[in-house]
PDB file of N, CA and C in Angstrom:
ATOM      1  N   UNK A   1      16.735  42.466 147.981  1.00  0.00           N
ATOM      2  CA  UNK A   1      17.887  41.784 147.408  1.00  0.00           C
ATOM      3  C   UNK A   1      17.406  40.588 146.606  1.00  0.00           C
ATOM      4  N   UNK A   2      18.070  40.277 145.558  1.00  0.00           N
ATOM      5  CA  UNK A   2      17.664  39.198 144.665  1.00  0.00           C
ATOM      6  C   UNK A   2      18.714  38.096 144.664  1.00  0.00           C
ATOM      7  N   UNK A   3      18.315  36.897 144.285  1.00  0.00           N
ATOM      8  CA  UNK A   3      19.245  35.781 144.222  1.00  0.00           C
ATOM      9  C   UNK A   3      20.097  35.817 142.964  1.00  0.00           C
ATOM     10  N   UNK A   4      19.693  36.570 141.948  1.00  0.00           N
ATOM     11  CA  UNK A   4      20.456  36.692 140.712  1.00  0.00           C
ATOM     12  C   UNK A   4      21.697  37.537 140.956  1.00  0.00           C
ATOM     13  N   UNK A   5      22.717  37.289 140.149  1.00  0.00           N
ATOM     14  CA  UNK A   5      23.906  38.138 140.199  1.00  0.00           C
ATOM     15  C   UNK A   5      23.491  39.552 139.823  1.00  0.00           C
ATOM     16  N   UNK A   6      24.132  40.518 140.445  1.00  0.00           N
ATOM     17  CA  UNK A   6      23.918  41.898 140.018  1.00  0.00           C
ATOM     18  C   UNK A   6      24.543  42.059 138.639  1.00  0.00           C
ATOM     19  N   UNK A   7      23.940  42.921 137.835  1.00  0.00           N
ATOM     20  CA  UNK A   7      24.523  43.183 136.523  1.00  0.00           C
ATOM     21  C   UNK A   7      25.853  43.904 136.722  1.00  0.00           C
ATOM     22  N   UNK A   8      26.875  43.454 136.017  1.00  0.00           N
ATOM     23  CA  UNK A   8      28.217  43.991 136.157  1.00  0.00           C
ATOM     24  C   UNK A   8      28.487  44.918 134.987  1.00  0.00           C
ATOM     25  N   UNK A   9      29.006  46.072 135.286  1.00  0.00           N
ATOM     26  CA  UNK A   9      29.293  47.065 134.264  1.00  0.00           C
ATOM     27  C   UNK A   9      30.706  46.876 133.730  1.00  0.00           C
ATOM     28  N   UNK A  10      30.827  46.634 132.437  1.00  0.00           N
ATOM     29  CA  UNK A  10      32.119  46.522 131.764  1.00  0.00           C
ATOM     30  C   UNK A  10      32.524  47.925 131.368  1.00  0.00           C
ATOM     31  N   UNK A  11      33.586  48.428 131.942  1.00  0.00           N
ATOM     32  CA  UNK A  11      34.050  49.789 131.689  1.00  0.00           C
ATOM     33  C   UNK A  11      35.185  49.745 130.663  1.00  0.00           C
ATOM     34  N   UNK A  12      34.933  50.252 129.458  1.00  0.00           N
ATOM     35  CA  UNK A  12      35.936  50.201 128.396  1.00  0.00           C
ATOM     36  C   UNK A  12      37.237  50.899 128.791  1.00  0.00           C
ATOM     37  N   UNK A  13      37.144  52.049 129.435  1.00  0.00           N
ATOM     38  CA  UNK A  13      38.360  52.777 129.823  1.00  0.00           C
ATOM     39  C   UNK A  13      39.211  51.959 130.783  1.00  0.00           C
ATOM     40  N   UNK A  14      38.558  51.355 131.771  1.00  0.00           N
ATOM     41  CA  UNK A  14      39.296  50.511 132.711  1.00  0.00           C
ATOM     42  C   UNK A  14      39.842  49.270 132.013  1.00  0.00           C
ATOM     43  N   UNK A  15      39.065  48.702 131.116  1.00  0.00           N
ATOM     44  CA  UNK A  15      39.513  47.515 130.377  1.00  0.00           C
ATOM     45  C   UNK A  15      40.737  47.846 129.524  1.00  0.00           C
ATOM     46  N   UNK A  16      40.711  48.982 128.861  1.00  0.00           N
ATOM     47  CA  UNK A  16      41.841  49.386 128.019  1.00  0.00           C
ATOM     48  C   UNK A  16      43.102  49.536 128.866  1.00  0.00           C
ATOM     49  N   UNK A  17      42.983  50.200 130.014  1.00  0.00           N
ATOM     50  CA  UNK A  17      44.148  50.363 130.894  1.00  0.00           C
ATOM     51  C   UNK A  17      44.635  49.005 131.405  1.00  0.00           C
ATOM     52  N   UNK A  18      43.711  48.139 131.784  1.00  0.00           N
ATOM     53  CA  UNK A  18      44.044  46.804 132.277  1.00  0.00           C
ATOM     54  C   UNK A  18      44.796  46.030 131.197  1.00  0.00           C
ATOM     55  N   UNK A  19      44.264  46.024 129.981  1.00  0.00           N
ATOM     56  CA  UNK A  19      44.886  45.300 128.868  1.00  0.00           C
ATOM     57  C   UNK A  19      46.254  45.881 128.544  1.00  0.00           C
ATOM     58  N   UNK A  20      46.339  47.197 128.494  1.00  0.00           N
ATOM     59  CA  UNK A  20      47.605  47.861 128.186  1.00  0.00           C
ATOM     60  C   UNK A  20      48.685  47.462 129.193  1.00  0.00           C
ATOM     61  N   UNK A  21      48.307  47.339 130.449  1.00  0.00           N
ATOM     62  CA  UNK A  21      49.268  46.957 131.487  1.00  0.00           C
ATOM     63  C   UNK A  21      49.766  45.524 131.314  1.00  0.00           C
ATOM     64  N   UNK A  22      49.020  44.692 130.612  1.00  0.00           N
ATOM     65  CA  UNK A  22      49.422  43.303 130.394  1.00  0.00           C
ATOM     66  C   UNK A  22      50.279  43.111 129.139  1.00  0.00           C
ATOM     67  N   UNK A  23      50.290  44.104 128.268  1.00  0.00           N
ATOM     68  CA  UNK A  23      51.072  43.994 127.032  1.00  0.00           C
ATOM     69  C   UNK A  23      52.562  44.079 127.341  1.00  0.00           C
ATOM     70  N   UNK A  24      53.361  43.367 126.542  1.00  0.00           N
ATOM     71  CA  UNK A  24      54.811  43.483 126.719  1.00  0.00           C
ATOM     72  C   UNK A  24      55.276  44.826 126.150  1.00  0.00           C
ATOM     73  N   UNK A  25      56.521  45.194 126.439  1.00  0.00           N
ATOM     74  CA  UNK A  25      57.034  46.512 126.037  1.00  0.00           C
ATOM     75  C   UNK A  25      56.991  46.722 124.526  1.00  0.00           C
ATOM     76  N   UNK A  26      57.316  45.702 123.764  1.00  0.00           N
ATOM     77  CA  UNK A  26      57.284  45.808 122.299  1.00  0.00           C
ATOM     78  C   UNK A  26      55.854  46.084 121.811  1.00  0.00           C
ATOM     79  N   UNK A  27      54.883  45.363 122.386  1.00  0.00           N
ATOM     80  CA  UNK A  27      53.487  45.572 121.991  1.00  0.00           C
ATOM     81  C   UNK A  27      53.009  46.963 122.390  1.00  0.00           C
ATOM     82  N   UNK A  28      53.431  47.439 123.541  1.00  0.00           N
ATOM     83  CA  UNK A  28      53.017  48.776 123.987  1.00  0.00           C
ATOM     84  C   UNK A  28      53.468  49.856 123.008  1.00  0.00           C
ATOM     85  N   UNK A  29      54.577  49.618 122.321  1.00  0.00           N
ATOM     86  CA  UNK A  29      55.077  50.579 121.331  1.00  0.00           C
ATOM     87  C   UNK A  29      54.195  50.593 120.082  1.00  0.00           C
ATOM     88  N   UNK A  30      53.578  49.465 119.776  1.00  0.00           N
ATOM     89  CA  UNK A  30      52.808  49.325 118.530  1.00  0.00           C
ATOM     90  C   UNK A  30      51.303  49.442 118.721  1.00  0.00           C
ATOM     91  N   UNK A  31      50.805  49.088 119.906  1.00  0.00           N
ATOM     92  CA  UNK A  31      49.366  48.994 120.126  1.00  0.00           C
ATOM     93  C   UNK A  31      48.918  50.166 120.991  1.00  0.00           C
ATOM     94  N   UNK A  32      48.127  51.051 120.406  1.00  0.00           N
ATOM     95  CA  UNK A  32      47.632  52.181 121.182  1.00  0.00           C
ATOM     96  C   UNK A  32      46.221  51.892 121.717  1.00  0.00           C
ATOM     97  N   UNK A  33      45.707  52.827 122.492  1.00  0.00           N
ATOM     98  CA  UNK A  33      44.387  52.651 123.109  1.00  0.00           C
ATOM     99  C   UNK A  33      43.284  52.512 122.070  1.00  0.00           C
ATOM    100  N   UNK A  34      43.414  53.208 120.948  1.00  0.00           N
ATOM    101  CA  UNK A  34      42.399  53.109 119.893  1.00  0.00           C
ATOM    102  C   UNK A  34      42.349  51.700 119.304  1.00  0.00           C
ATOM    103  N   UNK A  35      43.510  51.070 119.160  1.00  0.00           N
ATOM    104  CA  UNK A  35      43.549  49.704 118.636  1.00  0.00           C
ATOM    105  C   UNK A  35      42.896  48.734 119.616  1.00  0.00           C
ATOM    106  N   UNK A  36      43.161  48.936 120.903  1.00  0.00           N
ATOM    107  CA  UNK A  36      42.535  48.080 121.921  1.00  0.00           C
ATOM    108  C   UNK A  36      41.028  48.283 121.899  1.00  0.00           C
ATOM    109  N   UNK A  37      40.581  49.538 121.816  1.00  0.00           N
ATOM    110  CA  UNK A  37      39.140  49.823 121.771  1.00  0.00           C
ATOM    111  C   UNK A  37      38.500  49.180 120.552  1.00  0.00           C
ATOM    112  N   UNK A  38      39.185  49.231 119.424  1.00  0.00           N
ATOM    113  CA  UNK A  38      38.679  48.616 118.202  1.00  0.00           C
ATOM    114  C   UNK A  38      38.471  47.120 118.404  1.00  0.00           C
ATOM    115  N   UNK A  39      39.444  46.442 119.010  1.00  0.00           N
ATOM    116  CA  UNK A  39      39.303  45.000 119.265  1.00  0.00           C
ATOM    117  C   UNK A  39      38.170  44.747 120.257  1.00  0.00           C
ATOM    118  N   UNK A  40      38.031  45.584 121.284  1.00  0.00           N
ATOM    119  CA  UNK A  40      36.910  45.426 122.220  1.00  0.00           C
ATOM    120  C   UNK A  40      35.575  45.557 121.487  1.00  0.00           C
ATOM    121  N   UNK A  41      35.506  46.485 120.550  1.00  0.00           N
ATOM    122  CA  UNK A  41      34.284  46.642 119.754  1.00  0.00           C
ATOM    123  C   UNK A  41      34.009  45.396 118.908  1.00  0.00           C
ATOM    124  N   UNK A  42      35.067  44.817 118.351  1.00  0.00           N
ATOM    125  CA  UNK A  42      34.902  43.586 117.559  1.00  0.00           C
ATOM    126  C   UNK A  42      34.450  42.422 118.431  1.00  0.00           C
ATOM    127  N   UNK A  43      34.953  42.368 119.664  1.00  0.00           N
ATOM    128  CA  UNK A  43      34.510  41.323 120.594  1.00  0.00           C
ATOM    129  C   UNK A  43      33.011  41.457 120.831  1.00  0.00           C
ATOM    130  N   UNK A  44      32.557  42.676 121.073  1.00  0.00           N
ATOM    131  CA  UNK A  44      31.116  42.905 121.273  1.00  0.00           C
ATOM    132  C   UNK A  44      30.325  42.533 120.034  1.00  0.00           C
ATOM    133  N   UNK A  45      30.863  42.852 118.864  1.00  0.00           N
ATOM    134  CA  UNK A  45      30.198  42.503 117.612  1.00  0.00           C
ATOM    135  C   UNK A  45      30.074  40.980 117.486  1.00  0.00           C
ATOM    136  N   UNK A  46      31.140  40.271 117.833  1.00  0.00           N
ATOM    137  CA  UNK A  46      31.122  38.809 117.794  1.00  0.00           C
ATOM    138  C   UNK A  46      30.045  38.265 118.745  1.00  0.00           C
ATOM    139  N   UNK A  47      30.038  38.779 119.964  1.00  0.00           N
ATOM    140  CA  UNK A  47      29.037  38.330 120.952  1.00  0.00           C
ATOM    141  C   UNK A  47      27.628  38.591 120.443  1.00  0.00           C
ATOM    142  N   UNK A  48      27.424  39.777 119.884  1.00  0.00           N
ATOM    143  CA  UNK A  48      26.106  40.160 119.386  1.00  0.00           C
ATOM    144  C   UNK A  48      25.677  39.266 118.223  1.00  0.00           C
ATOM    145  N   UNK A  49      26.557  39.053 117.264  1.00  0.00           N
ATOM    146  CA  UNK A  49      26.227  38.238 116.095  1.00  0.00           C
ATOM    147  C   UNK A  49      25.936  36.786 116.465  1.00  0.00           C
ATOM    148  N   UNK A  50      26.514  36.337 117.562  1.00  0.00           N
ATOM    149  CA  UNK A  50      26.346  34.947 117.970  1.00  0.00           C
ATOM    150  C   UNK A  50      25.340  34.783 119.108  1.00  0.00           C
ATOM    151  N   UNK A  51      24.609  35.859 119.406  1.00  0.00           N
ATOM    152  CA  UNK A  51      23.577  35.800 120.430  1.00  0.00           C
ATOM    153  C   UNK A  51      24.101  35.491 121.822  1.00  0.00           C
ATOM    154  N   UNK A  52      25.336  35.919 122.101  1.00  0.00           N
ATOM    155  CA  UNK A  52      25.953  35.594 123.390  1.00  0.00           C
ATOM    156  C   UNK A  52      25.738  36.653 124.448  1.00  0.00           C
ATOM    157  N   UNK A  53      25.269  37.826 124.043  1.00  0.00           N
ATOM    158  CA  UNK A  53      24.979  38.850 125.042  1.00  0.00           C
ATOM    159  C   UNK A  53      23.595  39.423 124.785  1.00  0.00           C
ATOM    160  N   UNK A  54      22.923  39.626 125.838  1.00  0.00           N
ATOM    161  CA  UNK A  54      21.612  40.258 125.805  1.00  0.00           C
ATOM    162  C   UNK A  54      21.622  41.358 126.848  1.00  0.00           C
ATOM    163  N   UNK A  55      20.986  42.456 126.556  1.00  0.00           N
ATOM    164  CA  UNK A  55      20.893  43.535 127.532  1.00  0.00           C
ATOM    165  C   UNK A  55      20.193  43.036 128.787  1.00  0.00           C
ATOM    166  N   UNK A  56      20.672  43.477 129.935  1.00  0.00           N
ATOM    167  CA  UNK A  56      20.059  43.201 131.232  1.00  0.00           C
ATOM    168  C   UNK A  56      19.902  41.715 131.533  1.00  0.00           C
ATOM    169  N   UNK A  57      20.878  40.904 131.147  1.00  0.00           N
ATOM    170  CA  UNK A  57      20.839  39.491 131.466  1.00  0.00           C
ATOM    171  C   UNK A  57      22.085  39.100 132.244  1.00  0.00           C
ATOM    172  N   UNK A  58      21.977  38.044 133.023  1.00  0.00           N
ATOM    173  CA  UNK A  58      23.130  37.563 133.775  1.00  0.00           C
ATOM    174  C   UNK A  58      23.437  36.108 133.452  1.00  0.00           C
ATOM    175  N   UNK A  59      22.786  35.579 132.430  1.00  0.00           N
ATOM    176  CA  UNK A  59      23.033  34.189 132.054  1.00  0.00           C
ATOM    177  C   UNK A  59      24.434  34.027 131.486  1.00  0.00           C
ATOM    178  N   UNK A  60      25.061  32.900 131.822  1.00  0.00           N
ATOM    179  CA  UNK A  60      26.389  32.614 131.309  1.00  0.00           C
ATOM    180  C   UNK A  60      26.291  31.986 129.930  1.00  0.00           C
ATOM    181  N   UNK A  61      27.319  32.238 129.130  1.00  0.00           N
ATOM    182  CA  UNK A  61      27.389  31.665 127.790  1.00  0.00           C
ATOM    183  C   UNK A  61      28.767  31.048 127.611  1.00  0.00           C
ATOM    184  N   UNK A  62      28.817  30.000 126.838  1.00  0.00           N
ATOM    185  CA  UNK A  62      30.085  29.347 126.507  1.00  0.00           C
ATOM    186  C   UNK A  62      30.686  30.073 125.309  1.00  0.00           C
ATOM    187  N   UNK A  63      31.947  30.476 125.426  1.00  0.00           N
ATOM    188  CA  UNK A  63      32.593  31.221 124.359  1.00  0.00           C
ATOM    189  C   UNK A  63      33.763  30.403 123.824  1.00  0.00           C
ATOM    190  N   UNK A  64      33.754  30.166 122.524  1.00  0.00           N
ATOM    191  CA  UNK A  64      34.818  29.410 121.875  1.00  0.00           C
ATOM    192  C   UNK A  64      35.977  30.358 121.558  1.00  0.00           C
ATOM    193  N   UNK A  65      37.077  30.175 122.266  1.00  0.00           N
ATOM    194  CA  UNK A  65      38.217  31.083 122.118  1.00  0.00           C
ATOM    195  C   UNK A  65      38.758  31.123 120.694  1.00  0.00           C
ATOM    196  N   UNK A  66      38.856  29.974 120.044  1.00  0.00           N
ATOM    197  CA  UNK A  66      39.367  29.947 118.673  1.00  0.00           C
ATOM    198  C   UNK A  66      38.438  30.678 117.718  1.00  0.00           C
ATOM    199  N   UNK A  67      37.137  30.547 117.933  1.00  0.00           N
ATOM    200  CA  UNK A  67      36.171  31.224 117.067  1.00  0.00           C
ATOM    201  C   UNK A  67      36.287  32.736 117.179  1.00  0.00           C
ATOM    202  N   UNK A  68      36.389  33.230 118.391  1.00  0.00           N
ATOM    203  CA  UNK A  68      36.479  34.677 118.568  1.00  0.00           C
ATOM    204  C   UNK A  68      37.810  35.200 118.031  1.00  0.00           C
ATOM    205  N   UNK A  69      38.903  34.450 118.227  1.00  0.00           N
ATOM    206  CA  UNK A  69      40.198  34.846 117.675  1.00  0.00           C
ATOM    207  C   UNK A  69      40.122  34.912 116.154  1.00  0.00           C
ATOM    208  N   UNK A  70      39.527  33.907 115.535  1.00  0.00           N
ATOM    209  CA  UNK A  70      39.388  33.898 114.077  1.00  0.00           C
ATOM    210  C   UNK A  70      38.527  35.057 113.590  1.00  0.00           C
ATOM    211  N   UNK A  71      37.422  35.307 114.280  1.00  0.00           N
ATOM    212  CA  UNK A  71      36.532  36.402 113.898  1.00  0.00           C
ATOM    213  C   UNK A  71      37.269  37.735 113.947  1.00  0.00           C
ATOM    214  N   UNK A  72      37.919  38.012 115.085  1.00  0.00           N
ATOM    215  CA  UNK A  72      38.601  39.296 115.251  1.00  0.00           C
ATOM    216  C   UNK A  72      39.745  39.422 114.253  1.00  0.00           C
ATOM    217  N   UNK A  73      40.533  38.374 114.087  1.00  0.00           N
ATOM    218  CA  UNK A  73      41.651  38.405 113.140  1.00  0.00           C
ATOM    219  C   UNK A  73      41.157  38.680 111.722  1.00  0.00           C
ATOM    220  N   UNK A  74      40.100  37.998 111.313  1.00  0.00           N
ATOM    221  CA  UNK A  74      39.552  38.214 109.971  1.00  0.00           C
ATOM    222  C   UNK A  74      39.011  39.626 109.789  1.00  0.00           C
ATOM    223  N   UNK A  75      38.338  40.157 110.810  1.00  0.00           N
ATOM    224  CA  UNK A  75      37.798  41.515 110.713  1.00  0.00           C
ATOM    225  C   UNK A  75      38.918  42.549 110.654  1.00  0.00           C
ATOM    226  N   UNK A  76      39.983  42.342 111.434  1.00  0.00           N
ATOM    227  CA  UNK A  76      41.122  43.263 111.407  1.00  0.00           C
ATOM    228  C   UNK A  76      41.743  43.271 110.012  1.00  0.00           C
ATOM    229  N   UNK A  77      41.907  42.102 109.422  1.00  0.00           N
ATOM    230  CA  UNK A  77      42.478  42.019 108.070  1.00  0.00           C
ATOM    231  C   UNK A  77      41.539  42.633 107.033  1.00  0.00           C
ATOM    232  N   UNK A  78      40.256  42.376 107.181  1.00  0.00           N
ATOM    233  CA  UNK A  78      39.267  42.847 106.205  1.00  0.00           C
ATOM    234  C   UNK A  78      39.084  44.364 106.265  1.00  0.00           C
ATOM    235  N   UNK A  79      38.905  44.887 107.473  1.00  0.00           N
ATOM    236  CA  UNK A  79      38.580  46.310 107.617  1.00  0.00           C
ATOM    237  C   UNK A  79      39.806  47.217 107.561  1.00  0.00           C
ATOM    238  N   UNK A  80      40.972  46.690 107.890  1.00  0.00           N
ATOM    239  CA  UNK A  80      42.230  47.443 107.831  1.00  0.00           C
ATOM    240  C   UNK A  80      42.175  48.761 108.595  1.00  0.00           C
ATOM    241  N   UNK A  81      41.485  48.747 109.737  1.00  0.00           N
ATOM    242  CA  UNK A  81      41.394  49.930 110.598  1.00  0.00           C
ATOM    243  C   UNK A  81      42.665  50.063 111.439  1.00  0.00           C
ATOM    244  N   UNK A  82      43.196  48.930 111.871  1.00  0.00           N
ATOM    245  CA  UNK A  82      44.421  48.886 112.663  1.00  0.00           C
ATOM    246  C   UNK A  82      45.340  47.816 112.082  1.00  0.00           C
ATOM    247  N   UNK A  83      46.603  47.894 112.431  1.00  0.00           N
ATOM    248  CA  UNK A  83      47.564  46.888 112.019  1.00  0.00           C
ATOM    249  C   UNK A  83      47.998  46.117 113.257  1.00  0.00           C
ATOM    250  N   UNK A  84      47.528  44.878 113.340  1.00  0.00           N
ATOM    251  CA  UNK A  84      47.845  44.024 114.482  1.00  0.00           C
ATOM    252  C   UNK A  84      48.200  42.632 113.982  1.00  0.00           C
ATOM    253  N   UNK A  85      49.148  42.010 114.650  1.00  0.00           N
ATOM    254  CA  UNK A  85      49.465  40.625 114.340  1.00  0.00           C
ATOM    255  C   UNK A  85      48.486  39.727 115.077  1.00  0.00           C
ATOM    256  N   UNK A  86      48.472  38.455 114.706  1.00  0.00           N
ATOM    257  CA  UNK A  86      47.616  37.511 115.421  1.00  0.00           C
ATOM    258  C   UNK A  86      48.031  37.420 116.888  1.00  0.00           C
ATOM    259  N   UNK A  87      49.330  37.499 117.166  1.00  0.00           N
ATOM    260  CA  UNK A  87      49.799  37.495 118.560  1.00  0.00           C
ATOM    261  C   UNK A  87      49.314  38.728 119.313  1.00  0.00           C
ATOM    262  N   UNK A  88      49.297  39.883 118.644  1.00  0.00           N
ATOM    263  CA  UNK A  88      48.767  41.101 119.265  1.00  0.00           C
ATOM    264  C   UNK A  88      47.296  40.915 119.627  1.00  0.00           C
ATOM    265  N   UNK A  89      46.545  40.384 118.685  1.00  0.00           N
ATOM    266  CA  UNK A  89      45.114  40.174 118.900  1.00  0.00           C
ATOM    267  C   UNK A  89      44.899  39.187 120.044  1.00  0.00           C
ATOM    268  N   UNK A  90      45.681  38.111 120.047  1.00  0.00           N
ATOM    269  CA  UNK A  90      45.573  37.117 121.113  1.00  0.00           C
ATOM    270  C   UNK A  90      45.869  37.757 122.481  1.00  0.00           C
ATOM    271  N   UNK A  91      46.882  38.626 122.539  1.00  0.00           N
ATOM    272  CA  UNK A  91      47.221  39.311 123.791  1.00  0.00           C
ATOM    273  C   UNK A  91      46.083  40.210 124.260  1.00  0.00           C
ATOM    274  N   UNK A  92      45.468  40.923 123.318  1.00  0.00           N
ATOM    275  CA  UNK A  92      44.344  41.799 123.675  1.00  0.00           C
ATOM    276  C   UNK A  92      43.153  40.958 124.145  1.00  0.00           C
ATOM    277  N   UNK A  93      42.867  39.876 123.431  1.00  0.00           N
ATOM    278  CA  UNK A  93      41.770  38.988 123.842  1.00  0.00           C
ATOM    279  C   UNK A  93      42.040  38.389 125.217  1.00  0.00           C
ATOM    280  N   UNK A  94      43.278  37.963 125.462  1.00  0.00           N
ATOM    281  CA  UNK A  94      43.631  37.426 126.777  1.00  0.00           C
ATOM    282  C   UNK A  94      43.461  38.485 127.859  1.00  0.00           C
ATOM    283  N   UNK A  95      43.877  39.705 127.549  1.00  0.00           N
ATOM    284  CA  UNK A  95      43.725  40.805 128.501  1.00  0.00           C
ATOM    285  C   UNK A  95      42.274  41.125 128.780  1.00  0.00           C
ATOM    286  N   UNK A  96      41.461  41.092 127.735  1.00  0.00           N
ATOM    287  CA  UNK A  96      40.021  41.351 127.915  1.00  0.00           C
ATOM    288  C   UNK A  96      39.405  40.273 128.798  1.00  0.00           C
ATOM    289  N   UNK A  97      39.826  39.037 128.591  1.00  0.00           N
ATOM    290  CA  UNK A  97      39.323  37.928 129.410  1.00  0.00           C
ATOM    291  C   UNK A  97      39.767  38.092 130.867  1.00  0.00           C
ATOM    292  N   UNK A  98      41.034  38.441 131.077  1.00  0.00           N
ATOM    293  CA  UNK A  98      41.533  38.639 132.438  1.00  0.00           C
ATOM    294  C   UNK A  98      40.805  39.797 133.130  1.00  0.00           C
ATOM    295  N   UNK A  99      40.545  40.862 132.379  1.00  0.00           N
ATOM    296  CA  UNK A  99      39.782  41.982 132.941  1.00  0.00           C
ATOM    297  C   UNK A  99      38.381  41.515 133.321  1.00  0.00           C
ATOM    298  N   UNK A 100      37.740  40.768 132.413  1.00  0.00           N
ATOM    299  CA  UNK A 100      36.406  40.250 132.699  1.00  0.00           C
ATOM    300  C   UNK A 100      36.386  39.361 133.932  1.00  0.00           C
ATOM    301  N   UNK A 101      37.399  38.532 134.094  1.00  0.00           N
ATOM    302  CA  UNK A 101      37.510  37.700 135.306  1.00  0.00           C
ATOM    303  C   UNK A 101      37.634  38.573 136.548  1.00  0.00           C
ATOM    304  N   UNK A 102      38.429  39.629 136.446  1.00  0.00           N
ATOM    305  CA  UNK A 102      38.702  40.478 137.612  1.00  0.00           C
ATOM    306  C   UNK A 102      37.464  41.218 138.106  1.00  0.00           C
ATOM    307  N   UNK A 103      36.518  41.489 137.203  1.00  0.00           N
ATOM    308  CA  UNK A 103      35.306  42.204 137.620  1.00  0.00           C
ATOM    309  C   UNK A 103      34.092  41.275 137.724  1.00  0.00           C
ATOM    310  N   UNK A 104      34.290  39.989 137.420  1.00  0.00           N
ATOM    311  CA  UNK A 104      33.210  39.033 137.570  1.00  0.00           C
ATOM    312  C   UNK A 104      32.320  38.834 136.359  1.00  0.00           C
ATOM    313  N   UNK A 105      32.706  39.379 135.214  1.00  0.00           N
ATOM    314  CA  UNK A 105      31.925  39.176 133.997  1.00  0.00           C
ATOM    315  C   UNK A 105      32.062  37.729 133.533  1.00  0.00           C
ATOM    316  N   UNK A 106      33.276  37.201 133.656  1.00  0.00           N
ATOM    317  CA  UNK A 106      33.543  35.818 133.263  1.00  0.00           C
ATOM    318  C   UNK A 106      33.810  34.983 134.509  1.00  0.00           C
ATOM    319  N   UNK A 107      33.603  33.709 134.335  1.00  0.00           N
ATOM    320  CA  UNK A 107      33.901  32.758 135.408  1.00  0.00           C
ATOM    321  C   UNK A 107      34.885  31.751 134.842  1.00  0.00           C
ATOM    322  N   UNK A 108      35.866  31.379 135.643  1.00  0.00           N
ATOM    323  CA  UNK A 108      36.912  30.468 135.178  1.00  0.00           C
ATOM    324  C   UNK A 108      36.624  29.033 135.596  1.00  0.00           C
ATOM    325  N   UNK A 109      35.423  28.797 136.097  1.00  0.00           N
ATOM    326  CA  UNK A 109      35.094  27.444 136.563  1.00  0.00           C
ATOM    327  C   UNK A 109      34.149  26.748 135.581  1.00  0.00           C
ATOM    328  N   UNK A 110      34.132  25.445 135.656  1.00  0.00           N
ATOM    329  CA  UNK A 110      33.267  24.624 134.794  1.00  0.00           C
ATOM    330  C   UNK A 110      32.044  24.155 135.572  1.00  0.00           C
ATOM    331  N   UNK A 111      31.429  25.067 136.312  1.00  0.00           N
ATOM    332  CA  UNK A 111      30.267  24.698 137.147  1.00  0.00           C
ATOM    333  C   UNK A 111      29.050  24.404 136.317  1.00  0.00           C
TER     334      UNK A 111
END
């Protein structure tokens, strides 16, 4: 046994279901699983571009919520793969964060 945290597996399918369950009824009509997956992919792209995730690491990183919201919103507008409002994107990002908290990927403390 090691003193380091075990690596936690982020399961996209579970994350999508978790996020979908947090969306309001109006959003559920407009936001499908593919749109949620697309935003999850953009989140990973943001983390990768900013050096916030490394394979096989357990180090914590500080994530600027406004920066990631701006990045995802700009990419959605630029790529035009899905049609989402900023509120939709914020809801998906909030859901992704809540999912990450639930499985231990994120920590809500300022330790």
